[in-house]
Amino acid sequence: MLAEARRRELLDALAIDLYVLRSTPAAEQAAALVVVCAEADAQTPRARHLRQRLPNALGIAAPRVVWVSPDGAALPPAAACLVLGAGPAAAHDAKLSTMRQNGGVIAVADTPDICLSSPGARRALWQALKPVARRLREGRG
């Protein structure tokens, strides 16, 4: 606290105006990644582990990753989408317009239990996530 007060005094002495951002930009509040996963698959211990690790692996804040069920309503807008499981992939394709499918990055992988079951499966998940990570990195710049 004292260091911050001293810093502000020095900035005032140098006639430097300090600007503070009033609110978070809308782009940072919106979902960056939508993860489509069946409700039963999303409740397993490996799915909870993936839910914790995925934002850090992609370099985004955890609230910007939205998990949805394929049975639910329309998908929220996002820069990228990760579909976990074959059943959700088919349901997901039916919900998206062709324009949205062409405009975003959609990655498909196995269910969380399969994706985290072995080193080879984790490598396959990471290969599916690479285009997603690239799109999210581009969106920040």
N, C-alpha and C. Protein backbone atom coordinates (compact mmCIF):
# COMPACT_ATOMS: atom_id res chain seq x y z
N MET A 1 0.83 -1.18 0.00
CA MET A 1 0.00 0.00 0.00
C MET A 1 0.87 1.25 0.00
N LEU A 2 1.91 1.25 0.83
CA LEU A 2 2.80 2.39 0.91
C LEU A 2 3.56 2.57 -0.41
N ALA A 3 3.97 1.47 -1.01
CA ALA A 3 4.69 1.54 -2.28
C ALA A 3 3.80 2.13 -3.38
N GLU A 4 2.53 1.77 -3.36
CA GLU A 4 1.59 2.30 -4.36
C GLU A 4 1.40 3.80 -4.16
N ALA A 5 1.30 4.25 -2.93
CA ALA A 5 1.15 5.68 -2.65
C ALA A 5 2.40 6.43 -3.11
N ARG A 6 3.56 5.86 -2.85
CA ARG A 6 4.82 6.49 -3.26
C ARG A 6 4.92 6.56 -4.79
N ARG A 7 4.49 5.52 -5.45
CA ARG A 7 4.51 5.49 -6.91
C ARG A 7 3.61 6.58 -7.48
N ARG A 8 2.44 6.74 -6.90
CA ARG A 8 1.52 7.78 -7.37
C ARG A 8 2.09 9.18 -7.12
N GLU A 9 2.78 9.37 -6.00
CA GLU A 9 3.42 10.67 -5.72
C GLU A 9 4.47 10.97 -6.77
N LEU A 10 5.28 9.96 -7.12
CA LEU A 10 6.32 10.16 -8.13
C LEU A 10 5.72 10.46 -9.50
N LEU A 11 4.65 9.76 -9.85
CA LEU A 11 3.99 10.03 -11.12
C LEU A 11 3.40 11.44 -11.16
N ASP A 12 2.82 11.88 -10.02
CA ASP A 12 2.30 13.25 -9.95
C ASP A 12 3.42 14.27 -10.08
N ALA A 13 4.55 14.01 -9.45
CA ALA A 13 5.68 14.93 -9.51
C ALA A 13 6.23 15.04 -10.93
N LEU A 14 6.15 13.96 -11.69
CA LEU A 14 6.61 13.96 -13.07
C LEU A 14 5.53 14.43 -14.04
N ALA A 15 4.38 14.81 -13.53
CA ALA A 15 3.24 15.27 -14.33
C ALA A 15 2.75 14.18 -15.29
N ILE A 16 2.74 12.94 -14.82
CA ILE A 16 2.25 11.82 -15.60
C ILE A 16 0.87 11.45 -15.09
N ASP A 17 -0.10 11.47 -16.00
CA ASP A 17 -1.47 11.11 -15.63
C ASP A 17 -1.60 9.60 -15.57
N LEU A 18 -2.24 9.12 -14.54
CA LEU A 18 -2.46 7.69 -14.37
C LEU A 18 -3.89 7.39 -14.80
N TYR A 19 -4.03 6.55 -15.81
CA TYR A 19 -5.34 6.16 -16.29
C TYR A 19 -5.65 4.76 -15.79
N VAL A 20 -6.87 4.58 -15.31
CA VAL A 20 -7.31 3.30 -14.77
C VAL A 20 -8.49 2.83 -15.60
N LEU A 21 -8.44 1.59 -16.02
CA LEU A 21 -9.52 1.00 -16.79
C LEU A 21 -10.74 0.84 -15.89
N ARG A 22 -11.88 1.37 -16.31
CA ARG A 22 -13.08 1.33 -15.47
C ARG A 22 -13.72 -0.04 -15.42
N SER A 23 -13.76 -0.72 -16.53
CA SER A 23 -14.40 -2.03 -16.56
C SER A 23 -13.66 -2.94 -17.54
N THR A 24 -13.94 -4.22 -17.43
CA THR A 24 -13.34 -5.19 -18.31
C THR A 24 -13.97 -5.06 -19.70
N PRO A 25 -13.16 -5.03 -20.76
CA PRO A 25 -13.72 -4.96 -22.11
C PRO A 25 -14.65 -6.14 -22.38
N ALA A 26 -15.64 -5.92 -23.21
CA ALA A 26 -16.64 -6.95 -23.51
C ALA A 26 -16.00 -8.20 -24.11
N ALA A 27 -14.94 -8.02 -24.89
CA ALA A 27 -14.28 -9.18 -25.51
C ALA A 27 -13.68 -10.10 -24.46
N GLU A 28 -13.23 -9.54 -23.34
CA GLU A 28 -12.64 -10.37 -22.30
C GLU A 28 -13.71 -11.04 -21.44
N GLN A 29 -14.93 -10.50 -21.42
CA GLN A 29 -16.00 -11.09 -20.64
C GLN A 29 -16.68 -12.23 -21.38
N ALA A 30 -16.66 -12.20 -22.71
CA ALA A 30 -17.34 -13.22 -23.50
C ALA A 30 -16.59 -14.54 -23.41
N ALA A 31 -17.30 -15.60 -23.74
CA ALA A 31 -16.69 -16.93 -23.73
C ALA A 31 -15.63 -17.02 -24.83
N ALA A 32 -14.49 -17.55 -24.48
CA ALA A 32 -13.44 -17.76 -25.47
C ALA A 32 -13.54 -19.16 -26.05
N LEU A 33 -13.96 -20.11 -25.20
CA LEU A 33 -14.04 -21.51 -25.61
C LEU A 33 -15.31 -22.12 -25.05
N VAL A 34 -16.04 -22.79 -25.91
CA VAL A 34 -17.21 -23.55 -25.49
C VAL A 34 -16.84 -25.03 -25.58
N VAL A 35 -17.02 -25.75 -24.48
CA VAL A 35 -16.74 -27.18 -24.44
C VAL A 35 -18.07 -27.90 -24.40
N VAL A 36 -18.35 -28.71 -25.41
CA VAL A 36 -19.58 -29.48 -25.49
C VAL A 36 -19.26 -30.89 -25.02
N CYS A 37 -19.94 -31.30 -23.95
CA CYS A 37 -19.67 -32.62 -23.37
C CYS A 37 -20.97 -33.15 -22.79
N ALA A 38 -21.24 -34.43 -22.98
CA ALA A 38 -22.44 -35.05 -22.42
C ALA A 38 -22.43 -34.90 -20.91
N GLU A 39 -23.60 -34.72 -20.35
CA GLU A 39 -23.73 -34.49 -18.90
C GLU A 39 -23.08 -35.60 -18.07
N ALA A 40 -23.29 -36.85 -18.46
CA ALA A 40 -22.72 -37.98 -17.71
C ALA A 40 -21.20 -37.96 -17.79
N ASP A 41 -20.65 -37.64 -18.95
CA ASP A 41 -19.20 -37.60 -19.11
C ASP A 41 -18.57 -36.42 -18.38
N ALA A 42 -19.31 -35.33 -18.22
CA ALA A 42 -18.78 -34.12 -17.59
C ALA A 42 -18.69 -34.24 -16.07
N GLN A 43 -19.28 -35.28 -15.48
CA GLN A 43 -19.29 -35.43 -14.02
C GLN A 43 -18.22 -36.38 -13.49
N THR A 44 -17.42 -36.98 -14.36
CA THR A 44 -16.41 -37.94 -13.92
C THR A 44 -15.20 -37.21 -13.33
N PRO A 45 -14.39 -37.90 -12.53
CA PRO A 45 -13.19 -37.27 -11.97
C PRO A 45 -12.22 -36.76 -13.04
N ARG A 46 -12.07 -37.50 -14.13
CA ARG A 46 -11.17 -37.03 -15.20
C ARG A 46 -11.71 -35.78 -15.87
N ALA A 47 -13.02 -35.69 -16.00
CA ALA A 47 -13.62 -34.48 -16.58
C ALA A 47 -13.39 -33.28 -15.66
N ARG A 48 -13.51 -33.48 -14.35
CA ARG A 48 -13.23 -32.39 -13.41
C ARG A 48 -11.77 -31.97 -13.49
N HIS A 49 -10.89 -32.94 -13.66
CA HIS A 49 -9.46 -32.64 -13.82
C HIS A 49 -9.23 -31.82 -15.09
N LEU A 50 -9.87 -32.22 -16.18
CA LEU A 50 -9.74 -31.50 -17.45
C LEU A 50 -10.32 -30.09 -17.32
N ARG A 51 -11.42 -29.97 -16.61
CA ARG A 51 -12.06 -28.66 -16.39
C ARG A 51 -11.11 -27.71 -15.66
N GLN A 52 -10.33 -28.23 -14.74
CA GLN A 52 -9.36 -27.41 -14.00
C GLN A 52 -8.15 -27.06 -14.84
N ARG A 53 -7.66 -28.00 -15.63
CA ARG A 53 -6.40 -27.82 -16.36
C ARG A 53 -6.54 -27.13 -17.71
N LEU A 54 -7.67 -27.24 -18.35
CA LEU A 54 -7.84 -26.73 -19.70
C LEU A 54 -7.60 -25.23 -19.84
N PRO A 55 -8.17 -24.38 -18.96
CA PRO A 55 -7.90 -22.94 -19.13
C PRO A 55 -6.41 -22.60 -19.03
N ASN A 56 -5.72 -23.22 -18.10
CA ASN A 56 -4.29 -22.95 -17.94
C ASN A 56 -3.50 -23.44 -19.16
N ALA A 57 -3.87 -24.58 -19.70
CA ALA A 57 -3.17 -25.11 -20.87
C ALA A 57 -3.34 -24.21 -22.09
N LEU A 58 -4.50 -23.55 -22.18
CA LEU A 58 -4.77 -22.68 -23.32
C LEU A 58 -4.43 -21.23 -23.05
N GLY A 59 -4.09 -20.91 -21.81
CA GLY A 59 -3.69 -19.54 -21.47
C GLY A 59 -4.85 -18.56 -21.41
N ILE A 60 -6.01 -19.03 -20.95
CA ILE A 60 -7.16 -18.14 -20.81
C ILE A 60 -7.72 -18.26 -19.40
N ALA A 61 -8.52 -17.29 -18.99
CA ALA A 61 -9.13 -17.32 -17.66
C ALA A 61 -10.21 -18.39 -17.61
N ALA A 62 -10.32 -19.04 -16.46
CA ALA A 62 -11.30 -20.13 -16.29
C ALA A 62 -12.74 -19.71 -16.58
N PRO A 63 -13.18 -18.50 -16.20
CA PRO A 63 -14.56 -18.12 -16.51
C PRO A 63 -14.86 -17.98 -18.01
N ARG A 64 -13.82 -17.89 -18.83
CA ARG A 64 -14.02 -17.75 -20.27
C ARG A 64 -14.19 -19.10 -20.98
N VAL A 65 -14.11 -20.20 -20.20
CA VAL A 65 -14.37 -21.53 -20.74
C VAL A 65 -15.75 -21.95 -20.25
N VAL A 66 -16.66 -22.15 -21.18
CA VAL A 66 -18.04 -22.49 -20.84
C VAL A 66 -18.31 -23.93 -21.24
N TRP A 67 -18.74 -24.75 -20.27
CA TRP A 67 -19.08 -26.14 -20.54
C TRP A 67 -20.59 -26.23 -20.74
N VAL A 68 -21.01 -26.86 -21.82
CA VAL A 68 -22.44 -27.03 -22.11
C VAL A 68 -22.72 -28.48 -22.48
N SER A 69 -23.97 -28.85 -22.33
CA SER A 69 -24.43 -30.17 -22.72
C SER A 69 -24.96 -30.10 -24.15
N PRO A 70 -24.80 -31.15 -24.94
CA PRO A 70 -25.32 -31.11 -26.30
C PRO A 70 -26.85 -31.09 -26.35
N ASP A 71 -27.49 -31.45 -25.24
CA ASP A 71 -28.95 -31.47 -25.18
C ASP A 71 -29.53 -30.09 -24.97
N GLY A 72 -28.70 -29.15 -24.50
CA GLY A 72 -29.18 -27.83 -24.13
C GLY A 72 -29.57 -26.97 -25.32
N ALA A 73 -29.76 -25.70 -25.01
CA ALA A 73 -30.17 -24.73 -26.03
C ALA A 73 -29.01 -24.41 -26.96
N ALA A 74 -29.17 -23.33 -27.71
CA ALA A 74 -28.14 -22.91 -28.67
C ALA A 74 -26.82 -22.63 -27.95
N LEU A 75 -25.74 -22.85 -28.65
CA LEU A 75 -24.42 -22.64 -28.08
C LEU A 75 -24.11 -21.15 -28.00
N PRO A 76 -23.46 -20.72 -26.92
CA PRO A 76 -23.08 -19.31 -26.83
C PRO A 76 -21.99 -18.99 -27.85
N PRO A 77 -21.91 -17.75 -28.31
CA PRO A 77 -20.85 -17.39 -29.26
C PRO A 77 -19.49 -17.48 -28.59
N ALA A 78 -18.52 -17.99 -29.31
CA ALA A 78 -17.16 -18.13 -28.80
C ALA A 78 -16.19 -18.20 -29.97
N ALA A 79 -14.92 -17.94 -29.68
CA ALA A 79 -13.89 -17.99 -30.71
C ALA A 79 -13.62 -19.41 -31.16
N ALA A 80 -13.80 -20.37 -30.24
CA ALA A 80 -13.50 -21.76 -30.55
C ALA A 80 -14.44 -22.68 -29.79
N CYS A 81 -14.50 -23.91 -30.26
CA CYS A 81 -15.38 -24.90 -29.64
C CYS A 81 -14.64 -26.24 -29.57
N LEU A 82 -14.74 -26.89 -28.43
CA LEU A 82 -14.17 -28.23 -28.25
C LEU A 82 -15.33 -29.17 -27.97
N VAL A 83 -15.46 -30.20 -28.78
CA VAL A 83 -16.53 -31.18 -28.62
C VAL A 83 -15.90 -32.47 -28.12
N LEU A 84 -16.36 -32.96 -26.98
CA LEU A 84 -15.82 -34.17 -26.38
C LEU A 84 -16.81 -35.31 -26.52
N GLY A 85 -16.45 -36.30 -27.32
CA GLY A 85 -17.30 -37.46 -27.52
C GLY A 85 -17.95 -37.47 -28.89
N ALA A 86 -18.27 -38.67 -29.39
CA ALA A 86 -18.86 -38.81 -30.73
C ALA A 86 -20.32 -38.39 -30.74
N GLY A 87 -21.08 -38.73 -29.72
CA GLY A 87 -22.50 -38.36 -29.66
C GLY A 87 -22.69 -36.85 -29.65
N PRO A 88 -21.98 -36.12 -28.75
CA PRO A 88 -22.10 -34.67 -28.76
C PRO A 88 -21.64 -34.03 -30.07
N ALA A 89 -20.70 -34.65 -30.76
CA ALA A 89 -20.22 -34.08 -32.02
C ALA A 89 -21.34 -34.05 -33.05
N ALA A 90 -22.11 -35.11 -33.13
CA ALA A 90 -23.22 -35.16 -34.09
C ALA A 90 -24.30 -34.16 -33.71
N ALA A 91 -24.61 -34.06 -32.42
CA ALA A 91 -25.63 -33.11 -31.97
C ALA A 91 -25.16 -31.67 -32.17
N HIS A 92 -23.87 -31.45 -31.97
CA HIS A 92 -23.30 -30.10 -32.11
C HIS A 92 -23.39 -29.63 -33.55
N ASP A 93 -23.06 -30.49 -34.49
CA ASP A 93 -23.09 -30.11 -35.91
C ASP A 93 -24.49 -29.70 -36.35
N ALA A 94 -25.50 -30.35 -35.80
CA ALA A 94 -26.86 -30.03 -36.19
C ALA A 94 -27.29 -28.65 -35.68
N LYS A 95 -26.67 -28.15 -34.62
CA LYS A 95 -27.07 -26.88 -34.02
C LYS A 95 -26.41 -25.67 -34.66
N LEU A 96 -25.26 -25.85 -35.30
CA LEU A 96 -24.52 -24.71 -35.82
C LEU A 96 -24.85 -24.43 -37.28
N SER A 97 -24.95 -23.17 -37.59
CA SER A 97 -25.13 -22.79 -38.99
C SER A 97 -23.83 -23.02 -39.75
N THR A 98 -23.93 -23.11 -41.05
CA THR A 98 -22.74 -23.31 -41.87
C THR A 98 -21.78 -22.14 -41.72
N MET A 99 -22.32 -20.93 -41.62
CA MET A 99 -21.48 -19.75 -41.48
C MET A 99 -20.65 -19.81 -40.18
N ARG A 100 -21.30 -20.23 -39.10
CA ARG A 100 -20.59 -20.31 -37.82
C ARG A 100 -19.58 -21.46 -37.83
N GLN A 101 -19.92 -22.56 -38.49
CA GLN A 101 -18.97 -23.67 -38.58
C GLN A 101 -17.72 -23.26 -39.35
N ASN A 102 -17.90 -22.48 -40.42
CA ASN A 102 -16.76 -22.04 -41.22
C ASN A 102 -15.96 -20.93 -40.55
N GLY A 103 -16.62 -20.13 -39.70
CA GLY A 103 -15.96 -18.99 -39.09
C GLY A 103 -15.19 -19.30 -37.83
N GLY A 104 -15.46 -20.39 -37.18
CA GLY A 104 -14.79 -20.70 -35.91
C GLY A 104 -13.94 -21.94 -36.00
N VAL A 105 -13.20 -22.17 -34.95
CA VAL A 105 -12.39 -23.38 -34.86
C VAL A 105 -13.16 -24.38 -34.03
N ILE A 106 -13.39 -25.55 -34.58
CA ILE A 106 -14.11 -26.60 -33.89
C ILE A 106 -13.19 -27.81 -33.80
N ALA A 107 -12.88 -28.21 -32.58
CA ALA A 107 -12.03 -29.37 -32.37
C ALA A 107 -12.88 -30.49 -31.77
N VAL A 108 -12.62 -31.71 -32.20
CA VAL A 108 -13.36 -32.86 -31.70
C VAL A 108 -12.36 -33.83 -31.08
N ALA A 109 -12.69 -34.32 -29.89
CA ALA A 109 -11.83 -35.29 -29.20
C ALA A 109 -12.73 -36.33 -28.52
N ASP A 110 -12.11 -37.35 -27.97
CA ASP A 110 -12.85 -38.38 -27.24
C ASP A 110 -13.39 -37.82 -25.93
N THR A 111 -14.13 -38.62 -25.21
CA THR A 111 -14.66 -38.21 -23.91
C THR A 111 -13.49 -37.95 -22.96
N PRO A 112 -13.71 -37.16 -21.90
CA PRO A 112 -12.61 -36.89 -20.96
C PRO A 112 -11.98 -38.14 -20.37
N ASP A 113 -12.79 -39.17 -20.09
CA ASP A 113 -12.22 -40.41 -19.53
C ASP A 113 -11.25 -41.07 -20.49
N ILE A 114 -11.54 -41.03 -21.77
CA ILE A 114 -10.65 -41.64 -22.76
C ILE A 114 -9.45 -40.72 -23.02
N CYS A 115 -9.70 -39.41 -23.11
CA CYS A 115 -8.63 -38.45 -23.40
C CYS A 115 -7.52 -38.46 -22.36
N LEU A 116 -7.86 -38.70 -21.12
CA LEU A 116 -6.86 -38.65 -20.05
C LEU A 116 -6.45 -40.03 -19.57
N SER A 117 -6.77 -41.08 -20.33
CA SER A 117 -6.50 -42.44 -19.87
C SER A 117 -5.07 -42.90 -20.10
N SER A 118 -4.37 -42.34 -21.08
CA SER A 118 -3.01 -42.79 -21.39
C SER A 118 -2.23 -41.63 -22.00
N PRO A 119 -0.89 -41.76 -22.02
CA PRO A 119 -0.11 -40.70 -22.65
C PRO A 119 -0.45 -40.49 -24.13
N GLY A 120 -0.73 -41.55 -24.85
CA GLY A 120 -1.10 -41.42 -26.27
C GLY A 120 -2.41 -40.69 -26.44
N ALA A 121 -3.37 -40.95 -25.56
CA ALA A 121 -4.66 -40.27 -25.63
C ALA A 121 -4.52 -38.80 -25.27
N ARG A 122 -3.66 -38.48 -24.29
CA ARG A 122 -3.42 -37.07 -23.94
C ARG A 122 -2.75 -36.34 -25.09
N ARG A 123 -1.83 -37.01 -25.78
CA ARG A 123 -1.18 -36.42 -26.94
C ARG A 123 -2.20 -36.14 -28.04
N ALA A 124 -3.13 -37.06 -28.26
CA ALA A 124 -4.17 -36.87 -29.27
C ALA A 124 -5.07 -35.68 -28.89
N LEU A 125 -5.37 -35.54 -27.59
CA LEU A 125 -6.16 -34.39 -27.14
C LEU A 125 -5.41 -33.10 -27.41
N TRP A 126 -4.12 -33.08 -27.11
CA TRP A 126 -3.34 -31.86 -27.33
C TRP A 126 -3.27 -31.52 -28.83
N GLN A 127 -3.16 -32.54 -29.68
CA GLN A 127 -3.16 -32.29 -31.13
C GLN A 127 -4.48 -31.66 -31.57
N ALA A 128 -5.58 -32.09 -30.97
CA ALA A 128 -6.88 -31.50 -31.29
C ALA A 128 -6.99 -30.08 -30.76
N LEU A 129 -6.31 -29.79 -29.65
CA LEU A 129 -6.39 -28.47 -29.03
C LEU A 129 -5.46 -27.43 -29.67
N LYS A 130 -4.48 -27.87 -30.43
CA LYS A 130 -3.53 -26.91 -31.02
C LYS A 130 -4.20 -25.84 -31.87
N PRO A 131 -5.13 -26.17 -32.78
CA PRO A 131 -5.80 -25.10 -33.54
C PRO A 131 -6.62 -24.17 -32.64
N VAL A 132 -7.20 -24.72 -31.58
CA VAL A 132 -7.96 -23.91 -30.63
C VAL A 132 -7.04 -22.92 -29.95
N ALA A 133 -5.90 -23.41 -29.48
CA ALA A 133 -4.92 -22.54 -28.80
C ALA A 133 -4.43 -21.45 -29.75
N ARG A 134 -4.20 -21.81 -30.99
CA ARG A 134 -3.74 -20.84 -31.99
C ARG A 134 -4.80 -19.75 -32.20
N ARG A 135 -6.06 -20.13 -32.32
CA ARG A 135 -7.14 -19.15 -32.51
C ARG A 135 -7.28 -18.24 -31.29
N LEU A 136 -7.18 -18.80 -30.10
CA LEU A 136 -7.30 -17.99 -28.90
C LEU A 136 -6.13 -17.01 -28.78
N ARG A 137 -4.96 -17.44 -29.17
CA ARG A 137 -3.78 -16.57 -29.15
C ARG A 137 -3.94 -15.42 -30.14
N GLU A 138 -4.47 -15.71 -31.33
CA GLU A 138 -4.71 -14.68 -32.34
C GLU A 138 -5.75 -13.66 -31.87
N GLY A 139 -6.76 -14.16 -31.17
CA GLY A 139 -7.84 -13.30 -30.70
C GLY A 139 -7.39 -12.29 -29.67
N ARG A 140 -6.35 -12.62 -28.91
CA ARG A 140 -5.84 -11.70 -27.89
C ARG A 140 -5.04 -10.57 -28.50
N GLY A 141 -4.38 -10.82 -29.63
CA GLY A 141 -3.48 -9.85 -30.23
C GLY A 141 -4.18 -8.81 -30.96
